[in-house]
N, C-alpha and C. Protein backbone atom coordinates (compact mmCIF):
# COMPACT_ATOMS: atom_id res chain seq x y z
N MET A 1 0.82 -1.18 0.00
CA MET A 1 0.01 0.00 0.01
C MET A 1 0.89 1.25 0.00
N SER A 2 0.52 2.23 -0.86
CA SER A 2 1.32 3.45 -0.90
C SER A 2 0.74 4.51 0.03
N THR A 3 1.54 5.56 0.24
CA THR A 3 1.16 6.61 1.13
C THR A 3 0.80 7.83 0.31
N THR A 4 -0.27 8.51 0.68
CA THR A 4 -0.68 9.75 0.05
C THR A 4 -0.96 10.83 1.09
N THR A 5 -0.52 12.00 0.85
CA THR A 5 -0.76 13.10 1.79
C THR A 5 -2.03 13.83 1.32
N VAL A 6 -2.91 14.03 2.28
CA VAL A 6 -4.15 14.77 1.98
C VAL A 6 -4.25 15.92 2.95
N ARG A 7 -4.52 17.11 2.43
CA ARG A 7 -4.67 18.27 3.28
C ARG A 7 -6.15 18.41 3.62
N ILE A 8 -6.48 18.43 4.89
CA ILE A 8 -7.81 18.50 5.36
C ILE A 8 -7.95 19.77 6.25
N PRO A 9 -8.99 20.57 5.99
CA PRO A 9 -9.14 21.76 6.83
C PRO A 9 -9.19 21.35 8.33
N GLU A 10 -8.61 22.23 9.14
CA GLU A 10 -8.41 21.94 10.54
C GLU A 10 -9.69 21.54 11.25
N ASP A 11 -10.81 22.24 10.98
CA ASP A 11 -12.08 21.90 11.63
C ASP A 11 -12.56 20.51 11.29
N LYS A 12 -12.38 20.12 10.02
CA LYS A 12 -12.78 18.78 9.62
C LYS A 12 -11.89 17.71 10.23
N ARG A 13 -10.57 18.03 10.29
CA ARG A 13 -9.63 17.10 10.93
C ARG A 13 -9.99 16.89 12.41
N ASP A 14 -10.33 18.01 13.08
CA ASP A 14 -10.68 17.92 14.48
C ASP A 14 -11.95 17.08 14.69
N THR A 15 -12.92 17.26 13.81
CA THR A 15 -14.14 16.47 13.86
C THR A 15 -13.83 14.97 13.62
N LEU A 16 -12.98 14.71 12.66
CA LEU A 16 -12.59 13.31 12.39
C LEU A 16 -11.90 12.68 13.62
N LYS A 17 -11.07 13.47 14.26
CA LYS A 17 -10.37 12.99 15.45
C LYS A 17 -11.40 12.63 16.55
N ILE A 18 -12.41 13.46 16.74
CA ILE A 18 -13.44 13.19 17.74
C ILE A 18 -14.19 11.90 17.37
N ILE A 19 -14.61 11.83 16.09
CA ILE A 19 -15.37 10.65 15.69
C ILE A 19 -14.50 9.37 15.84
N ALA A 20 -13.24 9.43 15.45
CA ALA A 20 -12.33 8.28 15.59
C ALA A 20 -12.17 7.92 17.03
N SER A 21 -12.09 8.87 17.92
CA SER A 21 -11.95 8.62 19.34
C SER A 21 -13.20 7.92 19.89
N VAL A 22 -14.34 8.44 19.53
CA VAL A 22 -15.61 7.86 20.00
C VAL A 22 -15.80 6.44 19.49
N GLU A 23 -15.44 6.22 18.24
CA GLU A 23 -15.60 4.91 17.65
C GLU A 23 -14.39 3.97 17.91
N LYS A 24 -13.37 4.53 18.58
CA LYS A 24 -12.16 3.78 18.85
C LYS A 24 -11.57 3.19 17.59
N ARG A 25 -11.39 4.06 16.58
CA ARG A 25 -10.82 3.72 15.28
C ARG A 25 -9.76 4.70 14.92
N ASP A 26 -8.91 4.31 13.98
CA ASP A 26 -7.89 5.19 13.44
C ASP A 26 -8.52 6.06 12.34
N ILE A 27 -8.02 7.29 12.26
CA ILE A 27 -8.52 8.17 11.20
C ILE A 27 -8.24 7.56 9.80
N LYS A 28 -7.12 6.94 9.66
CA LYS A 28 -6.80 6.35 8.33
C LYS A 28 -7.83 5.29 7.96
N ASP A 29 -8.39 4.56 8.91
CA ASP A 29 -9.36 3.54 8.60
C ASP A 29 -10.70 4.20 8.20
N ILE A 30 -11.04 5.27 8.86
CA ILE A 30 -12.27 6.00 8.53
C ILE A 30 -12.13 6.60 7.11
N LEU A 31 -10.93 7.20 6.81
CA LEU A 31 -10.73 7.76 5.50
C LEU A 31 -10.71 6.69 4.39
N SER A 32 -10.16 5.57 4.69
CA SER A 32 -10.16 4.48 3.73
C SER A 32 -11.56 4.01 3.40
N GLU A 33 -12.39 3.91 4.47
CA GLU A 33 -13.79 3.52 4.30
C GLU A 33 -14.55 4.58 3.44
N LEU A 34 -14.30 5.84 3.70
CA LEU A 34 -14.95 6.91 2.92
C LEU A 34 -14.55 6.83 1.46
N ILE A 35 -13.26 6.55 1.21
CA ILE A 35 -12.79 6.45 -0.17
C ILE A 35 -13.42 5.25 -0.87
N ASP A 36 -13.50 4.11 -0.13
CA ASP A 36 -14.16 2.93 -0.69
C ASP A 36 -15.64 3.23 -1.08
N ASP A 37 -16.36 3.93 -0.21
CA ASP A 37 -17.74 4.31 -0.49
C ASP A 37 -17.84 5.20 -1.70
N TYR A 38 -16.92 6.16 -1.79
CA TYR A 38 -16.94 7.06 -2.95
C TYR A 38 -16.69 6.30 -4.24
N ILE A 39 -15.74 5.42 -4.25
CA ILE A 39 -15.42 4.64 -5.46
C ILE A 39 -16.63 3.75 -5.81
N GLU A 40 -17.23 3.13 -4.83
CA GLU A 40 -18.40 2.27 -5.09
C GLU A 40 -19.57 3.05 -5.72
N ARG A 41 -19.76 4.29 -5.25
CA ARG A 41 -20.84 5.12 -5.83
C ARG A 41 -20.56 5.48 -7.26
N HIS A 42 -19.29 5.49 -7.68
CA HIS A 42 -18.97 5.89 -9.05
C HIS A 42 -18.62 4.73 -9.97
N ASN A 43 -18.63 3.51 -9.48
CA ASN A 43 -18.28 2.35 -10.30
C ASN A 43 -19.19 2.20 -11.54
N GLU A 44 -20.45 2.42 -11.37
CA GLU A 44 -21.37 2.27 -12.54
C GLU A 44 -21.05 3.29 -13.60
N THR A 45 -20.78 4.52 -13.21
CA THR A 45 -20.39 5.54 -14.16
C THR A 45 -19.14 5.19 -14.88
N LEU A 46 -18.13 4.70 -14.10
CA LEU A 46 -16.85 4.32 -14.73
C LEU A 46 -17.02 3.17 -15.72
N GLU A 47 -17.92 2.23 -15.36
CA GLU A 47 -18.17 1.12 -16.22
C GLU A 47 -18.80 1.58 -17.54
N ILE A 48 -19.76 2.47 -17.47
CA ILE A 48 -20.42 3.00 -18.66
C ILE A 48 -19.41 3.75 -19.52
N LEU A 49 -18.63 4.63 -18.88
CA LEU A 49 -17.67 5.43 -19.66
C LEU A 49 -16.55 4.66 -20.26
N SER A 50 -16.32 3.44 -19.73
CA SER A 50 -15.21 2.62 -20.29
C SER A 50 -15.65 1.83 -21.50
N LYS A 51 -16.93 1.83 -21.83
CA LYS A 51 -17.40 1.06 -23.03
C LYS A 51 -17.18 1.90 -24.27
N PRO A 52 -16.52 1.31 -25.24
CA PRO A 52 -16.23 2.06 -26.51
C PRO A 52 -17.54 2.58 -27.14
N GLY A 53 -17.50 3.85 -27.53
CA GLY A 53 -18.65 4.42 -28.22
C GLY A 53 -19.73 5.01 -27.33
N TRP A 54 -19.77 4.64 -26.09
CA TRP A 54 -20.82 5.13 -25.21
C TRP A 54 -20.73 6.58 -24.93
N VAL A 55 -19.55 7.10 -24.74
CA VAL A 55 -19.38 8.54 -24.45
C VAL A 55 -19.85 9.34 -25.67
N GLU A 56 -19.45 8.89 -26.87
CA GLU A 56 -19.87 9.59 -28.07
C GLU A 56 -21.39 9.53 -28.24
N SER A 57 -22.00 8.40 -27.93
CA SER A 57 -23.46 8.24 -28.04
C SER A 57 -24.14 9.18 -27.05
N ILE A 58 -23.63 9.24 -25.85
CA ILE A 58 -24.21 10.15 -24.82
C ILE A 58 -24.08 11.60 -25.28
N ASN A 59 -22.93 12.00 -25.79
CA ASN A 59 -22.73 13.37 -26.27
C ASN A 59 -23.61 13.67 -27.45
N GLU A 60 -23.81 12.73 -28.35
CA GLU A 60 -24.74 12.93 -29.51
C GLU A 60 -26.13 13.12 -28.99
N GLY A 61 -26.54 12.34 -27.99
CA GLY A 61 -27.87 12.49 -27.44
C GLY A 61 -28.09 13.82 -26.78
N ILE A 62 -27.07 14.31 -26.10
CA ILE A 62 -27.16 15.60 -25.42
C ILE A 62 -27.28 16.72 -26.48
N LYS A 63 -26.50 16.66 -27.54
CA LYS A 63 -26.56 17.65 -28.59
C LYS A 63 -27.92 17.62 -29.29
N ALA A 64 -28.48 16.41 -29.54
CA ALA A 64 -29.77 16.28 -30.16
C ALA A 64 -30.84 16.90 -29.27
N ALA A 65 -30.76 16.64 -27.99
CA ALA A 65 -31.73 17.19 -27.06
C ALA A 65 -31.65 18.73 -27.03
N GLU A 66 -30.42 19.28 -27.11
CA GLU A 66 -30.25 20.73 -27.14
C GLU A 66 -30.85 21.33 -28.39
N ARG A 67 -30.88 20.56 -29.48
CA ARG A 67 -31.49 21.05 -30.74
C ARG A 67 -32.99 20.81 -30.74
N GLY A 68 -33.50 20.18 -29.68
CA GLY A 68 -34.94 19.93 -29.61
C GLY A 68 -35.35 18.62 -30.27
N GLU A 69 -34.39 17.82 -30.65
CA GLU A 69 -34.69 16.52 -31.31
C GLU A 69 -34.88 15.47 -30.24
N THR A 70 -36.10 15.38 -29.72
CA THR A 70 -36.36 14.36 -28.68
C THR A 70 -37.42 13.38 -29.14
N VAL A 71 -37.44 12.24 -28.51
CA VAL A 71 -38.42 11.23 -28.80
C VAL A 71 -39.22 10.97 -27.53
N LYS A 72 -40.51 11.07 -27.63
CA LYS A 72 -41.34 10.82 -26.47
C LYS A 72 -41.20 9.37 -26.02
N TRP A 73 -41.16 9.14 -24.74
CA TRP A 73 -40.96 7.82 -24.20
C TRP A 73 -41.96 6.84 -24.69
N ARG A 74 -43.23 7.19 -24.81
CA ARG A 74 -44.29 6.27 -25.27
C ARG A 74 -44.02 5.82 -26.68
N LYS A 75 -43.58 6.72 -27.54
CA LYS A 75 -43.26 6.35 -28.91
C LYS A 75 -42.04 5.40 -28.96
N LYS A 76 -41.04 5.73 -28.20
CA LYS A 76 -39.82 4.90 -28.12
C LYS A 76 -40.18 3.52 -27.62
N LYS A 77 -41.02 3.50 -26.53
CA LYS A 77 -41.38 2.26 -25.91
C LYS A 77 -42.16 1.33 -26.86
N SER A 78 -43.03 1.96 -27.67
CA SER A 78 -43.87 1.18 -28.56
C SER A 78 -43.14 0.82 -29.87
N GLY A 79 -41.95 1.42 -30.09
CA GLY A 79 -41.16 1.11 -31.28
C GLY A 79 -41.46 2.06 -32.40
N ARG A 80 -42.25 3.08 -32.21
CA ARG A 80 -42.54 4.01 -33.32
C ARG A 80 -41.47 5.04 -33.45
């Protein structure tokens, strides 16, 4: 495992210290858990963005919507 330095505002660091003390945990364990949660929340987005062509398709859809070229959900759902 590598080491990374993170600058945290003093008030947040103090709050983390209090939480760690109450929970009898190390701050590094709390931060690691927070990072894991953050990564988990973004995994689906990363998966979508890693598929070839998906980013271009999404951008094309956004541009079409900006031009007012939309398809109503009922028509799309029925195949029209």
